[in-house]
């Protein structure tokens, strides 16, 4: 597990490159308030929009998740804990007024960037 990248993964870099090219400025690995050691992959702090790019294996993608056979009980619990931690992080941020967007690593970066840009545009329009 120590070999698994926690930040600057290829999907994250691809997405950030697209967002930057569109003129959007953001924070990277921004801390989740009230939850030590948890960070948002990309954060738009003024608009309070948190972006998470979840890995299929680590976060239980319904399409691509796999279950290791070796030490299966331990892995089952580890992966279940990850999903529960994701839900808790989403709840905490939502309670603090953040908009939380979660995407899977296999999703097309351009479509993710389109979705993020639409939410950001919506958050800055006067009501």
N, C-alpha and C. Protein backbone atom coordinates (compact mmCIF):
# COMPACT_ATOMS: atom_id res chain seq x y z
N UNK A 1 0.82 -1.20 0.00
CA UNK A 1 0.00 0.00 0.00
C UNK A 1 0.86 1.26 0.00
N UNK A 2 2.09 1.17 0.50
CA UNK A 2 2.92 2.36 0.55
C UNK A 2 3.32 2.82 -0.85
N UNK A 3 3.19 1.95 -1.84
CA UNK A 3 3.53 2.31 -3.20
C UNK A 3 2.39 3.09 -3.87
N UNK A 4 1.18 2.92 -3.40
CA UNK A 4 0.02 3.61 -3.98
C UNK A 4 0.15 5.11 -3.78
N UNK A 5 0.00 5.85 -4.88
CA UNK A 5 0.10 7.31 -4.80
C UNK A 5 -1.14 7.87 -4.10
N UNK A 6 -0.91 8.86 -3.26
CA UNK A 6 -2.02 9.50 -2.57
C UNK A 6 -2.44 10.78 -3.26
N UNK A 7 -1.52 11.39 -3.99
CA UNK A 7 -1.84 12.61 -4.73
C UNK A 7 -1.05 12.60 -6.03
N UNK A 8 -1.43 13.50 -6.91
CA UNK A 8 -0.78 13.63 -8.21
C UNK A 8 -0.84 12.34 -9.04
N UNK A 9 -1.97 11.66 -8.97
CA UNK A 9 -2.17 10.49 -9.81
C UNK A 9 -2.44 10.97 -11.24
N UNK A 10 -2.32 10.08 -12.20
CA UNK A 10 -2.53 10.47 -13.60
C UNK A 10 -3.92 11.06 -13.82
N UNK A 11 -5.00 10.43 -13.29
CA UNK A 11 -6.32 11.06 -13.49
C UNK A 11 -6.40 12.47 -12.88
N UNK A 12 -5.78 12.67 -11.72
CA UNK A 12 -5.79 13.99 -11.09
C UNK A 12 -5.02 15.00 -11.95
N UNK A 13 -3.85 14.62 -12.42
CA UNK A 13 -3.05 15.53 -13.23
C UNK A 13 -3.76 15.87 -14.53
N UNK A 14 -4.37 14.87 -15.17
CA UNK A 14 -5.12 15.13 -16.41
C UNK A 14 -6.26 16.12 -16.17
N UNK A 15 -7.00 15.91 -15.09
CA UNK A 15 -8.11 16.81 -14.77
C UNK A 15 -7.61 18.22 -14.45
N UNK A 16 -6.60 18.31 -13.63
CA UNK A 16 -6.08 19.62 -13.24
C UNK A 16 -5.54 20.38 -14.45
N UNK A 17 -4.91 19.67 -15.37
CA UNK A 17 -4.41 20.30 -16.59
C UNK A 17 -5.57 20.92 -17.38
N UNK A 18 -6.67 20.18 -17.50
CA UNK A 18 -7.84 20.69 -18.22
C UNK A 18 -8.47 21.89 -17.50
N UNK A 19 -8.62 21.78 -16.18
CA UNK A 19 -9.21 22.88 -15.42
C UNK A 19 -8.37 24.14 -15.55
N UNK A 20 -7.05 24.00 -15.47
CA UNK A 20 -6.16 25.15 -15.56
C UNK A 20 -6.24 25.77 -16.96
N UNK A 21 -6.32 24.93 -17.98
CA UNK A 21 -6.42 25.43 -19.36
C UNK A 21 -7.71 26.22 -19.57
N UNK A 22 -8.73 25.89 -18.80
CA UNK A 22 -10.01 26.61 -18.90
C UNK A 22 -10.02 27.89 -18.05
N UNK A 23 -8.91 28.18 -17.42
CA UNK A 23 -8.81 29.40 -16.63
C UNK A 23 -9.30 29.26 -15.21
N UNK A 24 -9.57 28.05 -14.78
CA UNK A 24 -10.06 27.83 -13.41
C UNK A 24 -8.86 27.66 -12.48
N UNK A 25 -8.90 28.32 -11.36
CA UNK A 25 -7.82 28.23 -10.38
C UNK A 25 -8.35 27.54 -9.13
N UNK A 26 -7.53 26.71 -8.54
CA UNK A 26 -7.98 25.79 -7.49
C UNK A 26 -6.83 25.52 -6.53
N UNK A 27 -7.16 24.84 -5.45
CA UNK A 27 -6.17 24.37 -4.47
C UNK A 27 -6.08 22.85 -4.60
N UNK A 28 -4.90 22.32 -4.36
CA UNK A 28 -4.65 20.89 -4.47
C UNK A 28 -4.42 20.32 -3.08
N UNK A 29 -4.92 19.13 -2.83
CA UNK A 29 -4.83 18.43 -1.53
C UNK A 29 -5.16 19.38 -0.38
N UNK A 30 -6.29 20.02 -0.51
CA UNK A 30 -6.75 20.97 0.50
C UNK A 30 -7.36 20.21 1.68
N UNK A 31 -7.01 20.58 2.91
CA UNK A 31 -7.50 19.82 4.07
C UNK A 31 -9.01 19.91 4.26
N UNK A 32 -9.58 18.80 4.69
CA UNK A 32 -11.00 18.75 5.02
C UNK A 32 -11.14 19.30 6.44
N UNK A 33 -11.88 20.41 6.62
CA UNK A 33 -12.02 21.00 7.95
C UNK A 33 -12.64 20.01 8.95
N UNK A 34 -12.00 19.88 10.09
CA UNK A 34 -12.53 19.02 11.14
C UNK A 34 -12.19 17.55 11.00
N UNK A 35 -11.45 17.19 9.96
CA UNK A 35 -11.07 15.79 9.76
C UNK A 35 -9.58 15.73 9.44
N UNK A 36 -8.75 15.58 10.46
CA UNK A 36 -7.30 15.54 10.23
C UNK A 36 -6.92 14.41 9.27
N UNK A 37 -5.91 14.66 8.47
CA UNK A 37 -5.33 13.70 7.53
C UNK A 37 -6.23 13.40 6.34
N UNK A 38 -7.35 14.10 6.21
CA UNK A 38 -8.20 13.94 5.02
C UNK A 38 -8.05 15.19 4.17
N UNK A 39 -7.96 14.99 2.86
CA UNK A 39 -7.81 16.13 1.97
C UNK A 39 -8.72 15.98 0.76
N UNK A 40 -9.06 17.12 0.18
CA UNK A 40 -9.82 17.14 -1.07
C UNK A 40 -8.78 17.06 -2.19
N UNK A 41 -9.09 16.37 -3.26
CA UNK A 41 -8.15 16.28 -4.37
C UNK A 41 -7.99 17.65 -5.04
N UNK A 42 -9.10 18.31 -5.28
CA UNK A 42 -9.12 19.66 -5.84
C UNK A 42 -10.18 20.44 -5.08
N UNK A 43 -9.84 21.67 -4.71
CA UNK A 43 -10.80 22.49 -3.96
C UNK A 43 -10.89 23.89 -4.57
N UNK A 44 -12.10 24.34 -4.76
CA UNK A 44 -12.38 25.72 -5.15
C UNK A 44 -12.90 26.38 -3.87
N UNK A 45 -12.00 27.01 -3.13
CA UNK A 45 -12.33 27.45 -1.78
C UNK A 45 -13.35 28.58 -1.74
N UNK A 46 -13.30 29.51 -2.68
CA UNK A 46 -14.26 30.62 -2.67
C UNK A 46 -15.68 30.13 -2.95
N UNK A 47 -15.80 29.21 -3.90
CA UNK A 47 -17.11 28.67 -4.25
C UNK A 47 -17.51 27.53 -3.32
N UNK A 48 -16.57 27.07 -2.50
CA UNK A 48 -16.78 25.93 -1.59
C UNK A 48 -17.24 24.70 -2.37
N UNK A 49 -16.44 24.34 -3.37
CA UNK A 49 -16.68 23.14 -4.16
C UNK A 49 -15.49 22.21 -3.96
N UNK A 50 -15.77 21.00 -3.49
CA UNK A 50 -14.74 19.99 -3.24
C UNK A 50 -14.84 18.90 -4.29
N UNK A 51 -13.70 18.54 -4.88
CA UNK A 51 -13.65 17.53 -5.92
C UNK A 51 -12.84 16.34 -5.40
N UNK A 52 -13.39 15.14 -5.59
CA UNK A 52 -12.69 13.91 -5.25
C UNK A 52 -12.66 13.02 -6.48
N UNK A 53 -11.48 12.54 -6.83
CA UNK A 53 -11.32 11.57 -7.92
C UNK A 53 -10.99 10.24 -7.25
N UNK A 54 -11.96 9.38 -7.16
CA UNK A 54 -11.80 8.13 -6.42
C UNK A 54 -11.28 7.01 -7.32
N UNK A 55 -10.31 6.28 -6.80
CA UNK A 55 -9.78 5.12 -7.50
C UNK A 55 -10.76 3.96 -7.43
N UNK A 56 -10.88 3.23 -8.51
CA UNK A 56 -11.87 2.14 -8.59
C UNK A 56 -11.62 1.07 -7.53
N UNK A 57 -10.39 0.66 -7.34
CA UNK A 57 -10.10 -0.38 -6.36
C UNK A 57 -10.30 0.13 -4.93
N UNK A 58 -9.71 1.25 -4.62
CA UNK A 58 -9.68 1.73 -3.23
C UNK A 58 -11.03 2.22 -2.73
N UNK A 59 -11.90 2.65 -3.62
CA UNK A 59 -13.16 3.26 -3.19
C UNK A 59 -14.40 2.49 -3.62
N UNK A 60 -14.23 1.29 -4.16
CA UNK A 60 -15.36 0.41 -4.43
C UNK A 60 -16.22 0.79 -5.61
N UNK A 61 -15.59 1.06 -6.74
CA UNK A 61 -16.34 1.39 -7.96
C UNK A 61 -17.30 0.25 -8.30
N UNK A 62 -18.57 0.56 -8.57
CA UNK A 62 -19.54 -0.50 -8.88
C UNK A 62 -19.22 -1.22 -10.19
N UNK A 63 -18.45 -0.60 -11.09
CA UNK A 63 -18.11 -1.24 -12.36
C UNK A 63 -16.80 -2.02 -12.32
N UNK A 64 -15.80 -1.49 -11.59
CA UNK A 64 -14.45 -2.04 -11.71
C UNK A 64 -13.84 -2.56 -10.41
N UNK A 65 -14.53 -2.48 -9.32
CA UNK A 65 -13.95 -2.91 -8.04
C UNK A 65 -13.66 -4.41 -8.07
N UNK A 66 -12.55 -4.77 -7.47
CA UNK A 66 -12.17 -6.18 -7.34
C UNK A 66 -11.94 -6.49 -5.87
N UNK A 67 -12.04 -7.75 -5.54
CA UNK A 67 -11.80 -8.19 -4.17
C UNK A 67 -10.60 -9.12 -4.17
N UNK A 68 -9.52 -8.75 -3.50
CA UNK A 68 -8.36 -9.63 -3.43
C UNK A 68 -8.71 -10.95 -2.73
N UNK A 69 -8.11 -12.02 -3.21
CA UNK A 69 -8.36 -13.33 -2.60
C UNK A 69 -7.45 -13.58 -1.41
N UNK A 70 -6.21 -13.12 -1.50
CA UNK A 70 -5.28 -13.29 -0.39
C UNK A 70 -5.67 -12.33 0.73
N UNK A 71 -5.78 -12.84 1.94
CA UNK A 71 -6.14 -12.03 3.11
C UNK A 71 -7.47 -11.32 2.88
N UNK A 72 -8.42 -12.04 2.34
CA UNK A 72 -9.70 -11.47 1.87
C UNK A 72 -10.47 -10.74 2.96
N UNK A 73 -10.52 -11.29 4.18
CA UNK A 73 -11.29 -10.64 5.25
C UNK A 73 -10.72 -9.27 5.58
N UNK A 74 -9.40 -9.20 5.67
CA UNK A 74 -8.75 -7.92 5.99
C UNK A 74 -9.05 -6.90 4.90
N UNK A 75 -8.90 -7.29 3.63
CA UNK A 75 -9.14 -6.38 2.52
C UNK A 75 -10.59 -5.95 2.44
N UNK A 76 -11.50 -6.87 2.67
CA UNK A 76 -12.93 -6.54 2.63
C UNK A 76 -13.22 -5.42 3.64
N UNK A 77 -12.69 -5.57 4.86
CA UNK A 77 -12.91 -4.56 5.90
C UNK A 77 -12.22 -3.25 5.53
N UNK A 78 -10.99 -3.31 5.02
CA UNK A 78 -10.24 -2.12 4.63
C UNK A 78 -11.00 -1.32 3.57
N UNK A 79 -11.48 -2.01 2.55
CA UNK A 79 -12.19 -1.33 1.47
C UNK A 79 -13.55 -0.80 1.93
N UNK A 80 -14.21 -1.54 2.82
CA UNK A 80 -15.48 -1.08 3.40
C UNK A 80 -15.24 0.20 4.23
N UNK A 81 -14.16 0.21 5.01
CA UNK A 81 -13.82 1.40 5.79
C UNK A 81 -13.57 2.60 4.89
N UNK A 82 -12.91 2.39 3.76
CA UNK A 82 -12.67 3.49 2.82
C UNK A 82 -13.98 4.10 2.34
N UNK A 83 -14.93 3.26 1.98
CA UNK A 83 -16.23 3.74 1.49
C UNK A 83 -16.96 4.51 2.60
N UNK A 84 -16.90 3.99 3.82
CA UNK A 84 -17.54 4.68 4.95
C UNK A 84 -16.87 6.02 5.23
N UNK A 85 -15.54 6.07 5.12
CA UNK A 85 -14.81 7.31 5.34
C UNK A 85 -15.18 8.33 4.26
N UNK A 86 -15.34 7.87 3.02
CA UNK A 86 -15.77 8.76 1.94
C UNK A 86 -17.13 9.38 2.26
N UNK A 87 -18.05 8.55 2.71
CA UNK A 87 -19.40 9.03 3.04
C UNK A 87 -19.34 10.04 4.19
N UNK A 88 -18.51 9.77 5.19
CA UNK A 88 -18.37 10.69 6.32
C UNK A 88 -17.78 12.02 5.85
N UNK A 89 -16.76 11.96 5.00
CA UNK A 89 -16.14 13.18 4.49
C UNK A 89 -17.15 14.01 3.71
N UNK A 90 -17.94 13.35 2.87
CA UNK A 90 -18.97 14.05 2.10
C UNK A 90 -19.98 14.70 3.04
N UNK A 91 -20.40 13.98 4.06
CA UNK A 91 -21.39 14.51 5.00
C UNK A 91 -20.83 15.72 5.74
N UNK A 92 -19.60 15.62 6.22
CA UNK A 92 -18.98 16.72 6.97
C UNK A 92 -18.88 17.97 6.10
N UNK A 93 -18.41 17.80 4.87
CA UNK A 93 -18.28 18.96 3.98
C UNK A 93 -19.64 19.56 3.62
N UNK A 94 -20.61 18.72 3.35
CA UNK A 94 -21.95 19.19 3.02
C UNK A 94 -22.55 19.97 4.19
N UNK A 95 -22.35 19.46 5.40
CA UNK A 95 -22.85 20.16 6.59
C UNK A 95 -22.21 21.53 6.75
N UNK A 96 -20.99 21.69 6.23
CA UNK A 96 -20.28 22.97 6.32
C UNK A 96 -20.53 23.87 5.12
N UNK A 97 -21.47 23.46 4.25
CA UNK A 97 -21.85 24.31 3.14
C UNK A 97 -21.07 24.08 1.85
N UNK A 98 -20.28 23.04 1.78
CA UNK A 98 -19.53 22.72 0.58
C UNK A 98 -20.40 21.91 -0.39
N UNK A 99 -20.14 22.09 -1.66
CA UNK A 99 -20.70 21.22 -2.69
C UNK A 99 -19.64 20.17 -2.96
N UNK A 100 -20.00 18.91 -2.83
CA UNK A 100 -19.04 17.82 -3.00
C UNK A 100 -19.34 17.09 -4.30
N UNK A 101 -18.31 16.98 -5.14
CA UNK A 101 -18.43 16.26 -6.40
C UNK A 101 -17.45 15.10 -6.38
N UNK A 102 -17.95 13.89 -6.59
CA UNK A 102 -17.10 12.69 -6.61
C UNK A 102 -17.16 12.06 -7.99
N UNK A 103 -16.00 11.72 -8.49
CA UNK A 103 -15.88 11.10 -9.79
C UNK A 103 -14.98 9.87 -9.67
N UNK A 104 -15.13 8.94 -10.61
CA UNK A 104 -14.29 7.75 -10.65
C UNK A 104 -13.10 8.00 -11.56
N UNK A 105 -11.99 7.35 -11.26
CA UNK A 105 -10.77 7.54 -12.04
C UNK A 105 -10.94 7.16 -13.51
N UNK A 106 -11.88 6.28 -13.83
CA UNK A 106 -12.06 5.84 -15.21
C UNK A 106 -12.92 6.79 -16.04
N UNK A 107 -13.52 7.79 -15.40
CA UNK A 107 -14.35 8.72 -16.15
C UNK A 107 -13.48 9.63 -17.02
N UNK A 108 -14.05 10.07 -18.11
CA UNK A 108 -13.34 10.92 -19.06
C UNK A 108 -13.03 12.28 -18.42
N UNK A 109 -11.76 12.70 -18.40
CA UNK A 109 -11.39 13.97 -17.76
C UNK A 109 -12.14 15.17 -18.32
N UNK A 110 -12.38 15.20 -19.63
CA UNK A 110 -13.09 16.34 -20.23
C UNK A 110 -14.52 16.43 -19.72
N UNK A 111 -15.20 15.31 -19.56
CA UNK A 111 -16.57 15.35 -19.05
C UNK A 111 -16.60 15.74 -17.57
N UNK A 112 -15.59 15.32 -16.82
CA UNK A 112 -15.48 15.73 -15.42
C UNK A 112 -15.27 17.24 -15.35
N UNK A 113 -14.37 17.76 -16.17
CA UNK A 113 -14.11 19.20 -16.19
C UNK A 113 -15.36 19.98 -16.58
N UNK A 114 -16.14 19.45 -17.54
CA UNK A 114 -17.39 20.10 -17.94
C UNK A 114 -18.35 20.18 -16.75
N UNK A 115 -18.48 19.06 -16.01
CA UNK A 115 -19.39 19.03 -14.85
C UNK A 115 -18.94 20.02 -13.77
N UNK A 116 -17.65 20.07 -13.52
CA UNK A 116 -17.12 20.98 -12.50
C UNK A 116 -17.36 22.42 -12.92
N UNK A 117 -17.08 22.72 -14.18
CA UNK A 117 -17.25 24.09 -14.67
C UNK A 117 -18.72 24.51 -14.58
N UNK A 118 -19.63 23.61 -14.87
CA UNK A 118 -21.06 23.92 -14.78
C UNK A 118 -21.46 24.24 -13.34
N UNK A 119 -20.97 23.47 -12.39
CA UNK A 119 -21.28 23.73 -10.98
C UNK A 119 -20.68 25.06 -10.53
N UNK A 120 -19.46 25.34 -10.96
CA UNK A 120 -18.82 26.61 -10.59
C UNK A 120 -19.56 27.79 -11.20
N UNK A 121 -19.98 27.65 -12.45
CA UNK A 121 -20.74 28.73 -13.09
C UNK A 121 -22.03 28.99 -12.35
N UNK A 122 -22.69 27.90 -11.91
CA UNK A 122 -23.95 28.02 -11.17
C UNK A 122 -23.74 28.70 -9.81
N UNK A 123 -22.60 28.43 -9.19
CA UNK A 123 -22.36 28.96 -7.84
C UNK A 123 -22.02 30.44 -7.85
N UNK A 124 -21.58 30.99 -9.00
CA UNK A 124 -21.22 32.41 -9.03
C UNK A 124 -22.31 33.27 -9.63
N UNK A 125 -23.34 32.68 -10.21
CA UNK A 125 -24.41 33.49 -10.78
C UNK A 125 -25.25 34.07 -9.65
N UNK A 126 -25.60 35.35 -9.74
CA UNK A 126 -26.43 35.96 -8.70
C UNK A 126 -27.82 35.35 -8.65
N UNK A 127 -28.34 35.23 -7.47
CA UNK A 127 -29.67 34.63 -7.29
C UNK A 127 -30.68 35.64 -6.89
